[in-house]
N, C-alpha and C. Protein backbone atom coordinates (compact mmCIF):
# COMPACT_ATOMS: atom_id res chain seq x y z
N MET A 1 -15.96 10.29 9.16
CA MET A 1 -15.99 8.97 7.89
C MET A 1 -15.35 8.31 8.88
N SER A 2 -15.69 6.82 8.73
CA SER A 2 -14.86 5.97 9.56
C SER A 2 -13.61 5.56 8.66
N ARG A 3 -12.43 4.58 8.85
CA ARG A 3 -11.13 4.71 8.27
C ARG A 3 -11.22 3.43 7.58
N LYS A 4 -11.99 2.68 6.92
CA LYS A 4 -12.32 1.44 6.04
C LYS A 4 -13.27 2.12 5.21
N LYS A 5 -14.11 3.19 5.53
CA LYS A 5 -14.78 3.95 4.36
C LYS A 5 -13.49 4.50 3.63
N LEU A 6 -13.08 5.35 4.29
CA LEU A 6 -12.02 5.93 3.50
C LEU A 6 -11.02 5.68 2.80
N LEU A 7 -10.90 4.05 3.27
CA LEU A 7 -9.89 3.06 2.75
C LEU A 7 -10.69 3.14 1.70
N ASP A 8 -12.14 2.62 1.19
CA ASP A 8 -12.49 2.21 0.05
C ASP A 8 -13.01 2.69 -0.80
N ASP A 9 -13.24 4.64 -0.31
CA ASP A 9 -13.28 5.59 -1.52
C ASP A 9 -12.10 5.97 -1.83
N ILE A 10 -11.03 5.95 -1.36
CA ILE A 10 -9.67 6.31 -1.81
C ILE A 10 -9.34 5.09 -3.05
N ARG A 11 -9.71 3.60 -2.64
CA ARG A 11 -9.21 2.91 -3.14
C ARG A 11 -10.12 2.83 -4.90
N GLN A 12 -11.17 3.25 -4.79
CA GLN A 12 -12.24 3.58 -6.34
C GLN A 12 -11.67 4.59 -6.82
N ASN A 13 -10.72 6.00 -6.46
CA ASN A 13 -10.16 6.74 -7.12
C ASN A 13 -9.16 7.45 -6.33
N PRO A 14 -7.92 6.66 -6.41
CA PRO A 14 -6.96 7.54 -5.68
C PRO A 14 -6.53 8.50 -6.38
N ALA A 15 -6.24 8.86 -7.32
CA ALA A 15 -5.95 10.23 -7.55
C ALA A 15 -6.93 11.49 -7.36
N ARG A 16 -8.08 10.96 -7.20
CA ARG A 16 -8.68 11.97 -6.24
C ARG A 16 -8.27 12.19 -4.81
N PHE A 17 -7.72 11.91 -4.06
CA PHE A 17 -7.15 11.90 -2.95
C PHE A 17 -5.55 12.33 -2.94
N TYR A 18 -4.68 11.56 -3.72
CA TYR A 18 -3.44 12.12 -4.00
C TYR A 18 -2.99 12.54 -4.94
N ARG A 19 -1.80 13.38 -5.08
CA ARG A 19 -1.50 13.69 -6.70
C ARG A 19 -0.53 12.81 -7.14
N SER A 20 0.39 11.94 -6.53
CA SER A 20 0.75 10.94 -7.00
C SER A 20 1.16 9.76 -6.04
N PRO A 21 1.33 8.77 -7.13
CA PRO A 21 1.46 7.34 -5.86
C PRO A 21 2.68 7.73 -4.93
N SER A 22 3.60 8.56 -4.93
CA SER A 22 4.54 8.71 -3.83
C SER A 22 4.02 9.37 -2.80
N ASP A 23 2.94 10.16 -2.86
CA ASP A 23 2.18 10.15 -1.59
C ASP A 23 1.28 9.69 -1.35
N VAL A 24 0.89 8.78 -1.31
CA VAL A 24 0.31 7.29 -0.85
C VAL A 24 1.62 7.05 0.30
N ILE A 25 2.66 6.68 -0.31
CA ILE A 25 3.98 6.08 0.26
C ILE A 25 3.96 7.05 1.49
N ARG A 26 3.94 8.15 1.61
CA ARG A 26 4.23 9.41 3.04
C ARG A 26 2.87 9.51 3.84
N ASP A 27 1.75 8.58 3.48
CA ASP A 27 0.34 8.69 4.07
C ASP A 27 0.34 7.95 5.20
N ARG A 28 1.21 8.58 6.46
CA ARG A 28 0.92 7.47 8.05
C ARG A 28 -0.61 7.42 8.70
N ARG A 29 -1.46 7.58 7.75
CA ARG A 29 -2.59 7.13 8.08
C ARG A 29 -3.10 6.01 8.12
N PHE A 30 -2.22 5.10 7.00
CA PHE A 30 -2.34 3.62 6.60
C PHE A 30 -1.28 2.96 6.89
N GLY A 31 -1.70 1.89 7.32
CA GLY A 31 -0.27 0.84 7.35
C GLY A 31 0.22 0.28 5.96
N ASP A 32 1.50 -0.36 5.79
CA ASP A 32 1.96 -0.50 4.45
C ASP A 32 1.04 -1.32 3.88
N GLU A 33 0.04 -2.63 4.34
CA GLU A 33 -0.76 -3.21 3.70
C GLU A 33 -1.88 -2.43 3.00
N GLU A 34 -2.05 -1.63 3.71
CA GLU A 34 -3.65 -0.63 3.65
C GLU A 34 -2.89 0.21 2.22
N ARG A 35 -1.54 1.17 2.21
CA ARG A 35 -1.28 1.57 1.77
C ARG A 35 -0.76 0.76 -0.05
N LEU A 36 -0.49 -0.87 0.00
CA LEU A 36 -0.30 -1.25 -0.94
C LEU A 36 -1.58 -1.46 -2.00
N LEU A 37 -2.68 -1.61 -0.94
CA LEU A 37 -3.87 -2.02 -1.17
C LEU A 37 -4.24 -0.65 -2.56
N ILE A 38 -4.16 0.55 -1.86
CA ILE A 38 -4.21 1.88 -2.31
C ILE A 38 -3.08 1.83 -3.60
N LEU A 39 -2.18 1.41 -3.91
CA LEU A 39 -0.87 1.68 -5.00
C LEU A 39 -1.16 0.58 -5.65
N GLU A 40 -1.75 -0.58 -5.57
CA GLU A 40 -2.47 -1.88 -6.41
C GLU A 40 -3.89 -1.16 -7.17
N ALA A 41 -4.36 -0.30 -6.77
CA ALA A 41 -5.64 0.67 -6.97
C ALA A 41 -5.30 1.47 -7.89
N TRP A 42 -4.34 1.90 -7.67
CA TRP A 42 -3.88 2.91 -8.44
C TRP A 42 -3.29 2.81 -9.86
N GLU A 43 -2.57 1.29 -10.08
CA GLU A 43 -1.67 0.82 -10.44
C GLU A 43 -2.11 0.81 -12.20
N PRO A 44 -3.51 0.48 -12.93
CA PRO A 44 -3.95 0.90 -14.07
C PRO A 44 -3.83 1.77 -14.95
N ALA A 45 -4.22 2.90 -13.96
CA ALA A 45 -4.09 4.45 -14.44
C ALA A 45 -2.63 4.90 -14.64
N ASP A 46 -1.45 4.59 -13.77
CA ASP A 46 0.07 4.47 -14.11
C ASP A 46 0.69 3.64 -13.72
N GLU A 47 1.26 3.45 -14.87
CA GLU A 47 2.21 2.63 -15.11
C GLU A 47 3.84 2.50 -14.29
N THR A 48 4.17 3.85 -14.14
CA THR A 48 5.29 3.90 -13.10
C THR A 48 4.94 3.60 -11.81
N ILE A 49 3.74 3.02 -11.29
CA ILE A 49 3.20 2.81 -10.04
C ILE A 49 4.51 1.36 -9.84
N GLY A 50 4.58 0.59 -10.61
CA GLY A 50 5.23 -0.64 -10.20
C GLY A 50 6.37 -0.60 -9.28
N ILE A 51 7.20 0.82 -9.27
CA ILE A 51 8.58 1.01 -8.44
C ILE A 51 7.88 0.70 -7.04
N GLN A 52 6.81 1.68 -6.90
CA GLN A 52 6.13 1.68 -5.49
C GLN A 52 5.65 0.69 -4.93
N ILE A 53 5.02 0.21 -5.75
CA ILE A 53 4.19 -1.49 -5.27
C ILE A 53 5.36 -2.45 -4.50
N ALA A 54 6.32 -1.89 -5.58
CA ALA A 54 7.95 -3.41 -5.09
C ALA A 54 8.19 -3.19 -3.92
N GLU A 55 8.53 -1.52 -3.41
CA GLU A 55 9.24 -1.37 -2.44
C GLU A 55 8.13 -1.23 -1.19
N THR A 56 6.91 -1.45 -1.30
CA THR A 56 5.74 -1.07 -0.31
C THR A 56 5.94 -2.45 -0.14
N ARG A 57 5.91 -3.79 -0.82
CA ARG A 57 5.97 -5.21 -0.40
C ARG A 57 6.90 -5.64 0.18
N LYS A 58 8.35 -4.83 -0.11
CA LYS A 58 9.53 -5.61 0.27
C LYS A 58 9.75 -4.88 1.71
N GLN A 59 8.86 -3.78 2.13
CA GLN A 59 8.65 -3.16 3.59
C GLN A 59 8.10 -3.77 4.07
N ILE A 60 6.83 -4.49 3.66
CA ILE A 60 5.66 -5.63 4.45
C ILE A 60 6.68 -6.38 4.56
N GLU A 61 7.20 -7.11 3.49
CA GLU A 61 8.11 -8.60 3.94
C GLU A 61 9.34 -8.73 5.18
N ASP A 62 9.80 -7.62 4.82
CA ASP A 62 10.76 -7.09 5.82
C ASP A 62 10.76 -7.12 7.46
N ARG A 63 8.97 -6.51 7.51
CA ARG A 63 8.69 -6.70 8.95
C ARG A 63 8.19 -7.56 9.28
N ALA A 64 7.95 -8.55 8.25
CA ALA A 64 7.29 -9.92 8.82
C ALA A 64 7.92 -10.71 10.06
N PRO A 65 7.50 -11.49 10.84
CA PRO A 65 8.29 -12.29 11.40
C PRO A 65 8.86 -13.60 10.86
N VAL A 66 9.92 -13.95 10.52
CA VAL A 66 10.75 -15.61 10.20
C VAL A 66 10.23 -16.16 11.06
N PRO A 67 9.54 -17.52 10.48
CA PRO A 67 9.24 -18.29 11.18
C PRO A 67 10.40 -19.18 12.27
N ALA A 68 9.72 -19.31 13.01
CA ALA A 68 10.81 -20.41 13.96
C ALA A 68 11.29 -21.84 13.00
N ALA A 69 12.69 -22.10 12.93
CA ALA A 69 13.03 -23.13 12.34
C ALA A 69 12.81 -24.63 13.05
N ARG A 70 12.41 -25.56 12.90
CA ARG A 70 11.43 -26.56 13.41
C ARG A 70 12.72 -27.86 13.90
N THR A 71 12.78 -27.86 14.68
CA THR A 71 13.94 -29.39 15.18
C THR A 71 13.38 -30.28 15.85
N GLU A 72 13.51 -31.34 15.02
CA GLU A 72 12.92 -32.81 15.40
C GLU A 72 13.90 -33.59 15.37
């Protein structure tokens, strides 16, 4: 199964692949952005997932390169 197909399948029903949202965070098969997509797909079924989503977003933002200041 291709990685994209696996990600699509997981997003359709995350609970089929993971016991809890915290398992998504520990799954190193995917990058932060892909884990965030999975967590967002899980969100409607589990209100407690908001914390994991916020933490993953912060990790992504912390890793993003800071744009260089323009000097003109």
